[in-house]
């Protein structure tokens, strides 16, 4: 569980870092009308890499067991 928690923190911090970088790059210069083709390509590759990493993490056996446990406990809560 410690590895899953630290991995989750890493993914969240990475996502926040990416979002902050995009936001700061966007407001850096007012003369830019939009992203260039190279920026779109880099952003697309980064998004695909992040999606692949997230897919690998979510489909790992540890995370599936963790999610199954959470759902099982939620379904067996007494009312």
N, C-alpha and C. Protein backbone atom coordinates (compact mmCIF):
# COMPACT_ATOMS: atom_id res chain seq x y z
N UNK A 1 0.82 -1.19 0.00
CA UNK A 1 0.00 0.00 0.00
C UNK A 1 0.87 1.26 0.00
N UNK A 2 2.02 1.19 0.58
CA UNK A 2 2.91 2.33 0.61
C UNK A 2 3.38 2.69 -0.80
N UNK A 3 3.70 1.66 -1.60
CA UNK A 3 4.13 1.93 -2.98
C UNK A 3 3.00 2.56 -3.78
N UNK A 4 1.78 2.05 -3.59
CA UNK A 4 0.64 2.60 -4.33
C UNK A 4 0.39 4.04 -3.93
N UNK A 5 0.51 4.33 -2.65
CA UNK A 5 0.28 5.69 -2.18
C UNK A 5 1.35 6.64 -2.72
N UNK A 6 2.61 6.22 -2.68
CA UNK A 6 3.67 7.08 -3.18
C UNK A 6 3.56 7.26 -4.69
N UNK A 7 3.14 6.22 -5.39
CA UNK A 7 2.95 6.33 -6.83
C UNK A 7 1.80 7.28 -7.14
N UNK A 8 0.74 7.20 -6.35
CA UNK A 8 -0.39 8.12 -6.53
C UNK A 8 0.03 9.56 -6.30
N UNK A 9 0.84 9.78 -5.26
CA UNK A 9 1.33 11.14 -5.00
C UNK A 9 2.20 11.62 -6.14
N UNK A 10 3.03 10.72 -6.69
CA UNK A 10 3.89 11.08 -7.81
C UNK A 10 3.04 11.49 -9.02
N UNK A 11 2.01 10.71 -9.31
CA UNK A 11 1.17 11.02 -10.47
C UNK A 11 0.45 12.35 -10.30
N UNK A 12 -0.04 12.60 -9.10
CA UNK A 12 -0.73 13.87 -8.85
C UNK A 12 0.24 15.04 -8.97
N UNK A 13 1.43 14.89 -8.37
CA UNK A 13 2.40 15.99 -8.45
C UNK A 13 2.85 16.22 -9.89
N UNK A 14 2.98 15.15 -10.67
CA UNK A 14 3.35 15.29 -12.08
C UNK A 14 2.26 16.03 -12.85
N UNK A 15 1.01 15.66 -12.61
CA UNK A 15 -0.10 16.33 -13.29
C UNK A 15 -0.16 17.81 -12.92
N UNK A 16 0.04 18.12 -11.64
CA UNK A 16 0.03 19.51 -11.21
C UNK A 16 1.17 20.28 -11.86
N UNK A 17 2.34 19.65 -11.94
CA UNK A 17 3.49 20.29 -12.56
C UNK A 17 3.22 20.59 -14.04
N UNK A 18 2.62 19.64 -14.73
CA UNK A 18 2.30 19.83 -16.15
C UNK A 18 1.30 20.96 -16.32
N UNK A 19 0.27 20.97 -15.48
CA UNK A 19 -0.77 22.00 -15.58
C UNK A 19 -0.18 23.38 -15.29
N UNK A 20 0.66 23.47 -14.25
CA UNK A 20 1.28 24.76 -13.93
C UNK A 20 2.19 25.22 -15.07
N UNK A 21 2.92 24.29 -15.67
CA UNK A 21 3.80 24.65 -16.79
C UNK A 21 3.03 25.17 -17.97
N UNK A 22 1.91 24.52 -18.28
CA UNK A 22 1.08 24.96 -19.40
C UNK A 22 0.49 26.33 -19.10
N UNK A 23 0.02 26.53 -17.87
CA UNK A 23 -0.59 27.81 -17.51
C UNK A 23 0.45 28.94 -17.55
N UNK A 24 1.65 28.69 -17.02
CA UNK A 24 2.66 29.75 -17.02
C UNK A 24 3.16 30.04 -18.43
N UNK A 25 3.28 29.00 -19.25
CA UNK A 25 3.71 29.22 -20.64
C UNK A 25 2.66 30.00 -21.41
N UNK A 26 1.42 29.80 -21.06
CA UNK A 26 0.34 30.47 -21.78
C UNK A 26 0.33 31.97 -21.49
N UNK A 27 0.65 32.34 -20.26
CA UNK A 27 0.60 33.75 -19.89
C UNK A 27 1.96 34.44 -19.99
N UNK A 28 2.98 33.72 -20.44
CA UNK A 28 4.33 34.28 -20.50
C UNK A 28 4.40 35.49 -21.43
N UNK A 29 3.86 35.35 -22.61
CA UNK A 29 3.88 36.47 -23.55
C UNK A 29 2.48 36.71 -24.08
N UNK A 30 2.11 37.96 -24.12
CA UNK A 30 0.77 38.31 -24.59
C UNK A 30 0.71 38.34 -26.12
N UNK A 31 1.87 38.39 -26.79
CA UNK A 31 1.87 38.50 -28.25
C UNK A 31 1.60 37.17 -28.94
N UNK A 32 1.76 36.05 -28.22
CA UNK A 32 1.50 34.75 -28.83
C UNK A 32 -0.01 34.55 -28.99
N UNK A 33 -0.42 34.22 -30.18
CA UNK A 33 -1.85 33.99 -30.43
C UNK A 33 -2.26 32.58 -30.06
N UNK A 34 -1.33 31.64 -30.05
CA UNK A 34 -1.65 30.26 -29.73
C UNK A 34 -0.40 29.40 -29.81
N UNK A 35 -0.61 28.11 -29.64
CA UNK A 35 0.53 27.21 -29.68
C UNK A 35 0.93 26.93 -31.12
N UNK A 36 2.21 26.71 -31.31
CA UNK A 36 2.69 26.33 -32.63
C UNK A 36 2.53 24.82 -32.81
N UNK A 37 2.81 24.36 -33.99
CA UNK A 37 2.67 22.94 -34.29
C UNK A 37 3.59 22.10 -33.42
N UNK A 38 4.81 22.56 -33.18
CA UNK A 38 5.75 21.82 -32.33
C UNK A 38 5.24 21.72 -30.91
N UNK A 39 4.64 22.79 -30.39
CA UNK A 39 4.09 22.76 -29.04
C UNK A 39 2.92 21.79 -28.95
N UNK A 40 2.09 21.76 -29.97
CA UNK A 40 1.00 20.79 -30.00
C UNK A 40 1.55 19.36 -30.01
N UNK A 41 2.59 19.14 -30.79
CA UNK A 41 3.17 17.80 -30.88
C UNK A 41 3.76 17.37 -29.54
N UNK A 42 4.48 18.25 -28.89
CA UNK A 42 5.07 17.93 -27.59
C UNK A 42 3.97 17.70 -26.55
N UNK A 43 2.96 18.55 -26.57
CA UNK A 43 1.85 18.37 -25.64
C UNK A 43 1.10 17.07 -25.87
N UNK A 44 0.92 16.70 -27.11
CA UNK A 44 0.23 15.45 -27.44
C UNK A 44 1.05 14.24 -27.00
N UNK A 45 2.36 14.28 -27.24
CA UNK A 45 3.23 13.17 -26.82
C UNK A 45 3.25 13.06 -25.29
N UNK A 46 3.31 14.19 -24.60
CA UNK A 46 3.31 14.18 -23.14
C UNK A 46 1.99 13.62 -22.60
N UNK A 47 0.88 14.01 -23.20
CA UNK A 47 -0.42 13.52 -22.77
C UNK A 47 -0.54 12.01 -23.00
N UNK A 48 -0.05 11.54 -24.14
CA UNK A 48 -0.10 10.11 -24.44
C UNK A 48 0.79 9.31 -23.49
N UNK A 49 1.97 9.84 -23.18
CA UNK A 49 2.86 9.16 -22.24
C UNK A 49 2.24 9.09 -20.85
N UNK A 50 1.63 10.19 -20.42
CA UNK A 50 0.97 10.21 -19.12
C UNK A 50 -0.20 9.23 -19.10
N UNK A 51 -0.97 9.17 -20.17
CA UNK A 51 -2.09 8.24 -20.26
C UNK A 51 -1.61 6.79 -20.21
N UNK A 52 -0.52 6.50 -20.90
CA UNK A 52 0.03 5.14 -20.88
C UNK A 52 0.51 4.76 -19.50
N UNK A 53 1.18 5.68 -18.82
CA UNK A 53 1.64 5.43 -17.46
C UNK A 53 0.46 5.21 -16.52
N UNK A 54 -0.55 6.05 -16.64
CA UNK A 54 -1.74 5.91 -15.79
C UNK A 54 -2.45 4.59 -16.06
N UNK A 55 -2.54 4.18 -17.31
CA UNK A 55 -3.17 2.91 -17.66
C UNK A 55 -2.41 1.74 -17.03
N UNK A 56 -1.07 1.79 -17.11
CA UNK A 56 -0.25 0.71 -16.52
C UNK A 56 -0.47 0.64 -15.02
N UNK A 57 -0.55 1.79 -14.37
CA UNK A 57 -0.73 1.81 -12.92
C UNK A 57 -2.10 1.28 -12.54
N UNK A 58 -3.13 1.76 -13.23
CA UNK A 58 -4.50 1.37 -12.87
C UNK A 58 -4.76 -0.11 -13.16
N UNK A 59 -4.12 -0.67 -14.16
CA UNK A 59 -4.35 -2.07 -14.48
C UNK A 59 -3.39 -3.01 -13.76
N UNK A 60 -2.53 -2.48 -12.89
CA UNK A 60 -1.64 -3.36 -12.13
C UNK A 60 -2.45 -4.14 -11.11
N UNK A 61 -1.96 -5.29 -10.72
CA UNK A 61 -2.70 -6.16 -9.82
C UNK A 61 -2.90 -5.52 -8.45
N UNK A 62 -1.93 -4.77 -7.95
CA UNK A 62 -2.06 -4.13 -6.65
C UNK A 62 -3.20 -3.12 -6.65
N UNK A 63 -3.26 -2.30 -7.67
CA UNK A 63 -4.30 -1.28 -7.74
C UNK A 63 -5.66 -1.92 -7.96
N UNK A 64 -5.73 -2.95 -8.80
CA UNK A 64 -7.01 -3.63 -9.01
C UNK A 64 -7.51 -4.25 -7.72
N UNK A 65 -6.60 -4.86 -6.94
CA UNK A 65 -6.99 -5.43 -5.64
C UNK A 65 -7.46 -4.33 -4.69
N UNK A 66 -6.76 -3.20 -4.69
CA UNK A 66 -7.13 -2.07 -3.84
C UNK A 66 -8.51 -1.54 -4.22
N UNK A 67 -8.75 -1.34 -5.52
CA UNK A 67 -10.05 -0.84 -5.96
C UNK A 67 -11.17 -1.84 -5.70
N UNK A 68 -10.88 -3.12 -5.89
CA UNK A 68 -11.88 -4.16 -5.60
C UNK A 68 -12.25 -4.15 -4.12
N UNK A 69 -11.25 -3.97 -3.26
CA UNK A 69 -11.51 -3.91 -1.82
C UNK A 69 -12.36 -2.71 -1.45
N UNK A 70 -12.08 -1.57 -2.07
CA UNK A 70 -12.85 -0.37 -1.78
C UNK A 70 -14.31 -0.55 -2.21
N UNK A 71 -14.50 -1.08 -3.41
CA UNK A 71 -15.87 -1.30 -3.90
C UNK A 71 -16.59 -2.33 -3.04
N UNK A 72 -15.91 -3.40 -2.67
CA UNK A 72 -16.51 -4.44 -1.84
C UNK A 72 -16.94 -3.87 -0.48
N UNK A 73 -16.06 -3.09 0.13
CA UNK A 73 -16.41 -2.48 1.42
C UNK A 73 -17.57 -1.51 1.28
N UNK A 74 -17.61 -0.77 0.16
CA UNK A 74 -18.70 0.18 -0.04
C UNK A 74 -20.03 -0.53 -0.24
N UNK A 75 -20.01 -1.70 -0.86
CA UNK A 75 -21.25 -2.44 -1.09
C UNK A 75 -21.75 -3.14 0.17
N UNK A 76 -20.86 -3.39 1.11
CA UNK A 76 -21.24 -4.13 2.32
C UNK A 76 -21.37 -3.22 3.54
N UNK A 77 -21.56 -1.93 3.33
CA UNK A 77 -21.76 -1.01 4.45
C UNK A 77 -23.18 -1.16 4.97
N UNK A 78 -23.33 -1.39 6.28
CA UNK A 78 -24.69 -1.51 6.83
C UNK A 78 -25.39 -0.15 6.87
N UNK A 79 -26.68 -0.17 6.58
CA UNK A 79 -27.47 1.07 6.60
C UNK A 79 -28.25 1.17 7.87
